[in-house]
Amino acid sequence: MASVPQDPYELLHWNMKLAHLTFEKGYHIILPLLDNPPKNDLSNFLGYCEAWAHSIVHHHDTEEAVVFPILNKKMDFSHEQEQHKEVHHFLEEFLAAIGAAQKDKSKFDAAKLKELMVGAKDAIFTHFNEELVHIDPSRLKEAGFTEDECKNMVAVMEKHAKSAGDPFLIVPYMRSHTPPEYKDIWPPMPWILRKLVVPLMLAKKHSGYWKYSPYAMS
């Protein structure tokens, strides 16, 4: 049974690892579908692609707004910030191509989208992996962060994440890419949100998108 780490130094790494896994899962779902795209369900597939990309943007925006400023007080996350620029260059191109196809289906270019994704794979996955190494609990301790500072960092991260982004895209994406063993503990939210609000309200707006998700919504 999965559980939330009790060591404050592990909290940031644990949260980031689970978030990154949702984005990696989405990447591995979208890429092969671009070889044989569901043209009879293109609107929903494009919406799913949009949700994946916006979820990464939201995650990185949260890091830059509240996480990196705290980490940079005692460490140097300029490398991760430079990596964000490279990843976001891809995401901007990807979302522009998705948006054009959503407005005019004749502009859907699976080969172009695949080329963009393949070209960005190293930048995306290298960033995720290197960031996790940099925020390893031992590194936070060595840098001189206190337990309270680690708890606060995660608390402000969660608060910002909840206040930003499109909840009809970000929240259903995250929930439907969270493995069953973590459903009740991550992302942290009350039972009524997990079991009622997300599946019956937030996920309903774009219900067709989530057929491409790997897990149930709640």
C-alpha atoms as a PDB file:
ATOM      1  CA  MET A   1       0.000   0.000   0.000  1.00  0.00           C
ATOM      2  CA  ALA A   2       1.429   3.342  -1.053  1.00  0.00           C
ATOM      3  CA  SER A   3       1.699   6.035   1.595  1.00  0.00           C
ATOM      4  CA  VAL A   4       2.718   9.666   1.910  1.00  0.00           C
ATOM      5  CA  PRO A   5       6.320  10.014   3.112  1.00  0.00           C
ATOM      6  CA  GLN A   6       6.629  11.006   6.747  1.00  0.00           C
ATOM      7  CA  ASP A   7      10.078  12.519   6.286  1.00  0.00           C
ATOM      8  CA  PRO A   8       9.623  16.191   5.252  1.00  0.00           C
ATOM      9  CA  TYR A   9      12.776  16.003   3.143  1.00  0.00           C
ATOM     10  CA  GLU A  10      11.155  13.357   0.944  1.00  0.00           C
ATOM     11  CA  LEU A  11       7.937  15.248   0.220  1.00  0.00           C
ATOM     12  CA  LEU A  12       9.078  17.421  -2.667  1.00  0.00           C
ATOM     13  CA  HIS A  13      10.847  14.553  -4.441  1.00  0.00           C
ATOM     14  CA  TRP A  14       7.834  12.259  -3.954  1.00  0.00           C
ATOM     15  CA  ASN A  15       5.402  14.815  -5.365  1.00  0.00           C
ATOM     16  CA  MET A  16       7.623  15.652  -8.316  1.00  0.00           C
ATOM     17  CA  LYS A  17       8.260  12.016  -9.167  1.00  0.00           C
ATOM     18  CA  LEU A  18       4.525  11.244  -9.305  1.00  0.00           C
ATOM     19  CA  ALA A  19       3.808  14.369 -11.368  1.00  0.00           C
ATOM     20  CA  HIS A  20       6.560  13.515 -13.844  1.00  0.00           C
ATOM     21  CA  LEU A  21       5.238   9.978 -14.201  1.00  0.00           C
ATOM     22  CA  THR A  22       1.856  11.314 -15.360  1.00  0.00           C
ATOM     23  CA  PHE A  23       3.529  13.373 -18.098  1.00  0.00           C
ATOM     24  CA  GLU A  24       5.755  10.498 -19.168  1.00  0.00           C
ATOM     25  CA  LYS A  25       2.716   8.231 -19.348  1.00  0.00           C
ATOM     26  CA  GLY A  26       0.905  10.737 -21.565  1.00  0.00           C
ATOM     27  CA  TYR A  27       3.910  11.010 -23.874  1.00  0.00           C
ATOM     28  CA  HIS A  28       4.012   7.246 -24.353  1.00  0.00           C
ATOM     29  CA  ILE A  29       0.274   7.168 -25.078  1.00  0.00           C
ATOM     30  CA  ILE A  30       0.246   9.976 -27.633  1.00  0.00           C
ATOM     31  CA  LEU A  31       3.360   9.100 -29.623  1.00  0.00           C
ATOM     32  CA  PRO A  32       2.282   5.677 -30.999  1.00  0.00           C
ATOM     33  CA  LEU A  33      -1.220   6.987 -31.739  1.00  0.00           C
ATOM     34  CA  LEU A  34       0.299   9.517 -34.110  1.00  0.00           C
ATOM     35  CA  ASP A  35       1.307   6.622 -36.373  1.00  0.00           C
ATOM     36  CA  ASN A  36      -2.337   5.664 -36.764  1.00  0.00           C
ATOM     37  CA  PRO A  37      -4.356   8.596 -35.400  1.00  0.00           C
ATOM     38  CA  PRO A  38      -8.044   8.113 -34.490  1.00  0.00           C
ATOM     39  CA  LYS A  39      -9.374  10.322 -37.283  1.00  0.00           C
ATOM     40  CA  ASN A  40     -12.966   9.352 -36.466  1.00  0.00           C
ATOM     41  CA  ASP A  41     -12.416  10.745 -32.955  1.00  0.00           C
ATOM     42  CA  LEU A  42      -9.992  13.532 -33.777  1.00  0.00           C
ATOM     43  CA  SER A  43     -11.584  16.215 -31.600  1.00  0.00           C
ATOM     44  CA  ASN A  44     -11.204  14.128 -28.467  1.00  0.00           C
ATOM     45  CA  PHE A  45      -7.701  12.989 -29.344  1.00  0.00           C
ATOM     46  CA  LEU A  46      -6.594  16.562 -29.972  1.00  0.00           C
ATOM     47  CA  GLY A  47      -8.178  17.573 -26.674  1.00  0.00           C
ATOM     48  CA  TYR A  48      -6.253  14.845 -24.895  1.00  0.00           C
ATOM     49  CA  CYS A  49      -3.011  16.061 -26.484  1.00  0.00           C
ATOM     50  CA  GLU A  50      -3.853  19.603 -25.415  1.00  0.00           C
ATOM     51  CA  ALA A  51      -4.518  18.477 -21.832  1.00  0.00           C
ATOM     52  CA  TRP A  52      -1.162  16.669 -21.697  1.00  0.00           C
ATOM     53  CA  ALA A  53       0.779  19.704 -22.903  1.00  0.00           C
ATOM     54  CA  HIS A  54      -1.095  22.185 -20.713  1.00  0.00           C
ATOM     55  CA  SER A  55      -0.494  19.955 -17.694  1.00  0.00           C
ATOM     56  CA  ILE A  56       3.271  20.185 -18.207  1.00  0.00           C
ATOM     57  CA  VAL A  57       3.042  23.954 -18.698  1.00  0.00           C
ATOM     58  CA  HIS A  58       1.023  24.238 -15.478  1.00  0.00           C
ATOM     59  CA  HIS A  59       3.545  22.101 -13.600  1.00  0.00           C
ATOM     60  CA  HIS A  60       6.505  24.151 -14.789  1.00  0.00           C
ATOM     61  CA  ASP A  61       4.718  27.457 -14.164  1.00  0.00           C
ATOM     62  CA  THR A  62       4.115  26.349 -10.577  1.00  0.00           C
ATOM     63  CA  GLU A  63       7.769  25.430 -10.129  1.00  0.00           C
ATOM     64  CA  GLU A  64       8.956  28.769 -11.467  1.00  0.00           C
ATOM     65  CA  ALA A  65       6.422  30.766  -9.476  1.00  0.00           C
ATOM     66  CA  VAL A  66       6.918  29.264  -6.023  1.00  0.00           C
ATOM     67  CA  VAL A  67       9.285  26.267  -5.895  1.00  0.00           C
ATOM     68  CA  PHE A  68      12.448  27.488  -7.612  1.00  0.00           C
ATOM     69  CA  PRO A  69      12.465  30.829  -5.735  1.00  0.00           C
ATOM     70  CA  ILE A  70      12.640  28.875  -2.472  1.00  0.00           C
ATOM     71  CA  LEU A  71      15.181  26.342  -3.711  1.00  0.00           C
ATOM     72  CA  ASN A  72      17.348  29.094  -5.183  1.00  0.00           C
ATOM     73  CA  LYS A  73      17.841  30.611  -1.735  1.00  0.00           C
ATOM     74  CA  LYS A  74      20.195  27.767  -0.862  1.00  0.00           C
ATOM     75  CA  MET A  75      20.776  25.940  -4.160  1.00  0.00           C
ATOM     76  CA  ASP A  76      21.130  26.785  -7.847  1.00  0.00           C
ATOM     77  CA  PHE A  77      18.278  25.768 -10.123  1.00  0.00           C
ATOM     78  CA  SER A  78      19.304  27.911 -13.080  1.00  0.00           C
ATOM     79  CA  HIS A  79      20.017  24.726 -15.053  1.00  0.00           C
ATOM     80  CA  GLU A  80      16.443  23.505 -14.562  1.00  0.00           C
ATOM     81  CA  GLN A  81      15.123  26.911 -15.541  1.00  0.00           C
ATOM     82  CA  GLU A  82      17.126  26.778 -18.778  1.00  0.00           C
ATOM     83  CA  GLN A  83      15.764  23.286 -19.405  1.00  0.00           C
ATOM     84  CA  HIS A  84      12.249  24.678 -18.978  1.00  0.00           C
ATOM     85  CA  LYS A  85      12.894  27.130 -21.804  1.00  0.00           C
ATOM     86  CA  GLU A  86      13.810  24.308 -24.177  1.00  0.00           C
ATOM     87  CA  VAL A  87      10.820  22.183 -23.162  1.00  0.00           C
ATOM     88  CA  HIS A  88       8.470  25.151 -23.428  1.00  0.00           C
ATOM     89  CA  HIS A  89       9.714  25.981 -26.914  1.00  0.00           C
ATOM     90  CA  PHE A  90       8.500  22.530 -27.922  1.00  0.00           C
ATOM     91  CA  LEU A  91       5.230  22.892 -25.997  1.00  0.00           C
ATOM     92  CA  GLU A  92       4.459  26.200 -27.699  1.00  0.00           C
ATOM     93  CA  GLU A  93       4.948  24.661 -31.131  1.00  0.00           C
ATOM     94  CA  PHE A  94       3.009  21.546 -30.167  1.00  0.00           C
ATOM     95  CA  LEU A  95       0.061  23.500 -28.735  1.00  0.00           C
ATOM     96  CA  ALA A  96       0.009  25.806 -31.760  1.00  0.00           C
ATOM     97  CA  ALA A  97      -0.244  22.799 -34.074  1.00  0.00           C
ATOM     98  CA  ILE A  98      -2.943  21.244 -31.899  1.00  0.00           C
ATOM     99  CA  GLY A  99      -4.875  24.512 -31.774  1.00  0.00           C
ATOM    100  CA  ALA A 100      -4.744  24.927 -35.545  1.00  0.00           C
ATOM    101  CA  ALA A 101      -6.088  21.404 -36.050  1.00  0.00           C
ATOM    102  CA  GLN A 102      -8.858  21.994 -33.504  1.00  0.00           C
ATOM    103  CA  LYS A 103     -10.024  24.982 -35.525  1.00  0.00           C
ATOM    104  CA  ASP A 104      -9.591  23.274 -38.896  1.00  0.00           C
ATOM    105  CA  LYS A 105      -9.313  19.487 -38.997  1.00  0.00           C
ATOM    106  CA  SER A 106      -7.639  19.651 -42.408  1.00  0.00           C
ATOM    107  CA  LYS A 107      -4.607  21.170 -40.687  1.00  0.00           C
ATOM    108  CA  PHE A 108      -4.061  18.087 -38.537  1.00  0.00           C
ATOM    109  CA  ASP A 109      -0.557  16.855 -39.332  1.00  0.00           C
ATOM    110  CA  ALA A 110       0.275  13.698 -37.397  1.00  0.00           C
ATOM    111  CA  ALA A 111       3.735  13.438 -38.925  1.00  0.00           C
ATOM    112  CA  LYS A 112       4.616  16.958 -37.804  1.00  0.00           C
ATOM    113  CA  LEU A 113       3.339  16.342 -34.280  1.00  0.00           C
ATOM    114  CA  LYS A 114       5.326  13.122 -34.090  1.00  0.00           C
ATOM    115  CA  GLU A 115       8.443  14.881 -35.330  1.00  0.00           C
ATOM    116  CA  LEU A 116       8.017  17.536 -32.645  1.00  0.00           C
ATOM    117  CA  MET A 117       7.537  14.951 -29.904  1.00  0.00           C
ATOM    118  CA  VAL A 118      10.439  12.759 -30.969  1.00  0.00           C
ATOM    119  CA  GLY A 119      12.674  15.803 -31.237  1.00  0.00           C
ATOM    120  CA  ALA A 120      11.748  16.947 -27.735  1.00  0.00           C
ATOM    121  CA  LYS A 121      11.954  13.568 -25.987  1.00  0.00           C
ATOM    122  CA  ASP A 122      15.516  13.924 -24.723  1.00  0.00           C
ATOM    123  CA  ALA A 123      14.897  17.449 -23.444  1.00  0.00           C
ATOM    124  CA  ILE A 124      11.728  16.419 -21.610  1.00  0.00           C
ATOM    125  CA  PHE A 125      12.918  13.176 -20.053  1.00  0.00           C
ATOM    126  CA  THR A 126      16.409  14.426 -19.240  1.00  0.00           C
ATOM    127  CA  HIS A 127      14.894  17.399 -17.441  1.00  0.00           C
ATOM    128  CA  PHE A 128      12.526  15.248 -15.417  1.00  0.00           C
ATOM    129  CA  ASN A 129      15.311  12.862 -14.405  1.00  0.00           C
ATOM    130  CA  GLU A 130      17.907  15.504 -13.586  1.00  0.00           C
ATOM    131  CA  GLU A 131      15.448  17.544 -11.565  1.00  0.00           C
ATOM    132  CA  LEU A 132      14.647  14.534  -9.386  1.00  0.00           C
ATOM    133  CA  VAL A 133      18.336  13.995  -8.731  1.00  0.00           C
ATOM    134  CA  HIS A 134      18.762  17.650  -7.780  1.00  0.00           C
ATOM    135  CA  ILE A 135      15.878  17.593  -5.261  1.00  0.00           C
ATOM    136  CA  ASP A 136      16.885  14.288  -3.699  1.00  0.00           C
ATOM    137  CA  PRO A 137      16.245  14.435   0.074  1.00  0.00           C
ATOM    138  CA  SER A 138      19.965  14.200   0.766  1.00  0.00           C
ATOM    139  CA  ARG A 139      20.617  17.250  -1.424  1.00  0.00           C
ATOM    140  CA  LEU A 140      18.013  19.318   0.440  1.00  0.00           C
ATOM    141  CA  LYS A 141      19.594  18.366   3.752  1.00  0.00           C
ATOM    142  CA  GLU A 142      23.082  19.182   2.506  1.00  0.00           C
ATOM    143  CA  ALA A 143      21.874  22.580   1.311  1.00  0.00           C
ATOM    144  CA  GLY A 144      20.666  23.389   4.826  1.00  0.00           C
ATOM    145  CA  PHE A 145      16.895  23.320   4.370  1.00  0.00           C
ATOM    146  CA  THR A 146      14.989  22.653   7.580  1.00  0.00           C
ATOM    147  CA  GLU A 147      12.082  20.235   7.927  1.00  0.00           C
ATOM    148  CA  ASP A 148       9.670  23.164   8.268  1.00  0.00           C
ATOM    149  CA  GLU A 149      11.049  24.777   5.116  1.00  0.00           C
ATOM    150  CA  CYS A 150      10.519  21.530   3.201  1.00  0.00           C
ATOM    151  CA  LYS A 151       6.941  21.259   4.451  1.00  0.00           C
ATOM    152  CA  ASN A 152       6.243  24.872   3.574  1.00  0.00           C
ATOM    153  CA  MET A 153       7.717  24.486   0.098  1.00  0.00           C
ATOM    154  CA  VAL A 154       5.301  21.657  -0.702  1.00  0.00           C
ATOM    155  CA  ALA A 155       2.390  23.517   0.903  1.00  0.00           C
ATOM    156  CA  VAL A 156       2.893  26.649  -1.207  1.00  0.00           C
ATOM    157  CA  MET A 157       3.428  24.480  -4.291  1.00  0.00           C
ATOM    158  CA  GLU A 158       0.095  22.726  -3.726  1.00  0.00           C
ATOM    159  CA  LYS A 159      -1.696  26.018  -3.023  1.00  0.00           C
ATOM    160  CA  HIS A 160      -0.402  27.624  -6.199  1.00  0.00           C
ATOM    161  CA  ALA A 161      -1.141  24.554  -8.318  1.00  0.00           C
ATOM    162  CA  LYS A 162      -4.755  24.549  -7.139  1.00  0.00           C
ATOM    163  CA  SER A 163      -5.214  28.236  -7.932  1.00  0.00           C
ATOM    164  CA  ALA A 164      -3.816  28.190 -11.468  1.00  0.00           C
ATOM    165  CA  GLY A 165      -4.527  26.464 -14.767  1.00  0.00           C
ATOM    166  CA  ASP A 166      -7.731  25.160 -16.345  1.00  0.00           C
ATOM    167  CA  PRO A 167      -9.322  22.796 -13.784  1.00  0.00           C
ATOM    168  CA  PHE A 168     -11.349  21.102 -16.525  1.00  0.00           C
ATOM    169  CA  LEU A 169      -8.104  19.995 -18.197  1.00  0.00           C
ATOM    170  CA  ILE A 170      -5.421  19.860 -15.509  1.00  0.00           C
ATOM    171  CA  VAL A 171      -7.302  18.059 -12.746  1.00  0.00           C
ATOM    172  CA  PRO A 172      -8.931  15.304 -14.846  1.00  0.00           C
ATOM    173  CA  TYR A 173      -5.638  14.725 -16.651  1.00  0.00           C
ATOM    174  CA  MET A 174      -3.759  14.326 -13.375  1.00  0.00           C
ATOM    175  CA  ARG A 175      -6.382  12.073 -11.803  1.00  0.00           C
ATOM    176  CA  SER A 176      -6.681   9.791 -14.841  1.00  0.00           C
ATOM    177  CA  HIS A 177      -2.906   9.373 -15.019  1.00  0.00           C
ATOM    178  CA  THR A 178      -2.409   8.597 -11.337  1.00  0.00           C
ATOM    179  CA  PRO A 179      -1.926   4.853 -10.702  1.00  0.00           C
ATOM    180  CA  PRO A 180      -4.620   3.164  -8.569  1.00  0.00           C
ATOM    181  CA  GLU A 181      -2.296   2.660  -5.603  1.00  0.00           C
ATOM    182  CA  TYR A 182      -1.893   6.445  -5.270  1.00  0.00           C
ATOM    183  CA  LYS A 183      -5.485   7.519  -5.996  1.00  0.00           C
ATOM    184  CA  ASP A 184      -6.429   8.099  -2.363  1.00  0.00           C
ATOM    185  CA  ILE A 185      -3.301  10.021  -1.367  1.00  0.00           C
ATOM    186  CA  TRP A 186      -2.093  11.975  -4.417  1.00  0.00           C
ATOM    187  CA  PRO A 187      -2.694  14.622  -5.498  1.00  0.00           C
ATOM    188  CA  PRO A 188      -3.940  15.545  -1.984  1.00  0.00           C
ATOM    189  CA  MET A 189      -7.626  16.448  -2.037  1.00  0.00           C
ATOM    190  CA  PRO A 190     -10.755  15.768   0.044  1.00  0.00           C
ATOM    191  CA  TRP A 191     -12.802  12.637  -0.603  1.00  0.00           C
ATOM    192  CA  ILE A 192     -15.704  14.653  -2.033  1.00  0.00           C
ATOM    193  CA  LEU A 193     -13.425  16.102  -4.710  1.00  0.00           C
ATOM    194  CA  ARG A 194     -11.806  12.760  -5.581  1.00  0.00           C
ATOM    195  CA  LYS A 195     -15.004  10.763  -5.757  1.00  0.00           C
ATOM    196  CA  LEU A 196     -17.654  13.290  -6.785  1.00  0.00           C
ATOM    197  CA  VAL A 197     -16.500  16.695  -8.025  1.00  0.00           C
ATOM    198  CA  VAL A 198     -13.690  15.504 -10.321  1.00  0.00           C
ATOM    199  CA  PRO A 199     -15.386  12.531 -12.039  1.00  0.00           C
ATOM    200  CA  LEU A 200     -18.932  13.924 -12.071  1.00  0.00           C
ATOM    201  CA  MET A 201     -18.258  17.609 -12.735  1.00  0.00           C
ATOM    202  CA  LEU A 202     -14.744  18.565 -13.825  1.00  0.00           C
ATOM    203  CA  ALA A 203     -14.168  15.531 -16.062  1.00  0.00           C
ATOM    204  CA  LYS A 204     -17.619  15.795 -17.669  1.00  0.00           C
ATOM    205  CA  LYS A 205     -16.855  18.932 -19.672  1.00  0.00           C
ATOM    206  CA  HIS A 206     -14.345  17.093 -21.862  1.00  0.00           C
ATOM    207  CA  SER A 207     -15.412  13.539 -21.092  1.00  0.00           C
ATOM    208  CA  GLY A 208     -14.356  12.247 -24.515  1.00  0.00           C
ATOM    209  CA  TYR A 209     -10.746  13.219 -23.938  1.00  0.00           C
ATOM    210  CA  TRP A 210     -10.202  10.803 -21.090  1.00  0.00           C
ATOM    211  CA  LYS A 211     -10.842   7.632 -23.098  1.00  0.00           C
ATOM    212  CA  TYR A 212      -7.143   7.907 -23.952  1.00  0.00           C
ATOM    213  CA  SER A 213      -6.132   8.035 -20.286  1.00  0.00           C
ATOM    214  CA  PRO A 214      -4.553   4.913 -18.771  1.00  0.00           C
ATOM    215  CA  TYR A 215      -6.520   4.876 -15.502  1.00  0.00           C
ATOM    216  CA  ALA A 216     -10.016   5.497 -14.172  1.00  0.00           C
ATOM    217  CA  MET A 217     -10.864   9.025 -13.064  1.00  0.00           C
ATOM    218  CA  SER A 218     -11.496   8.199  -9.402  1.00  0.00           C
END
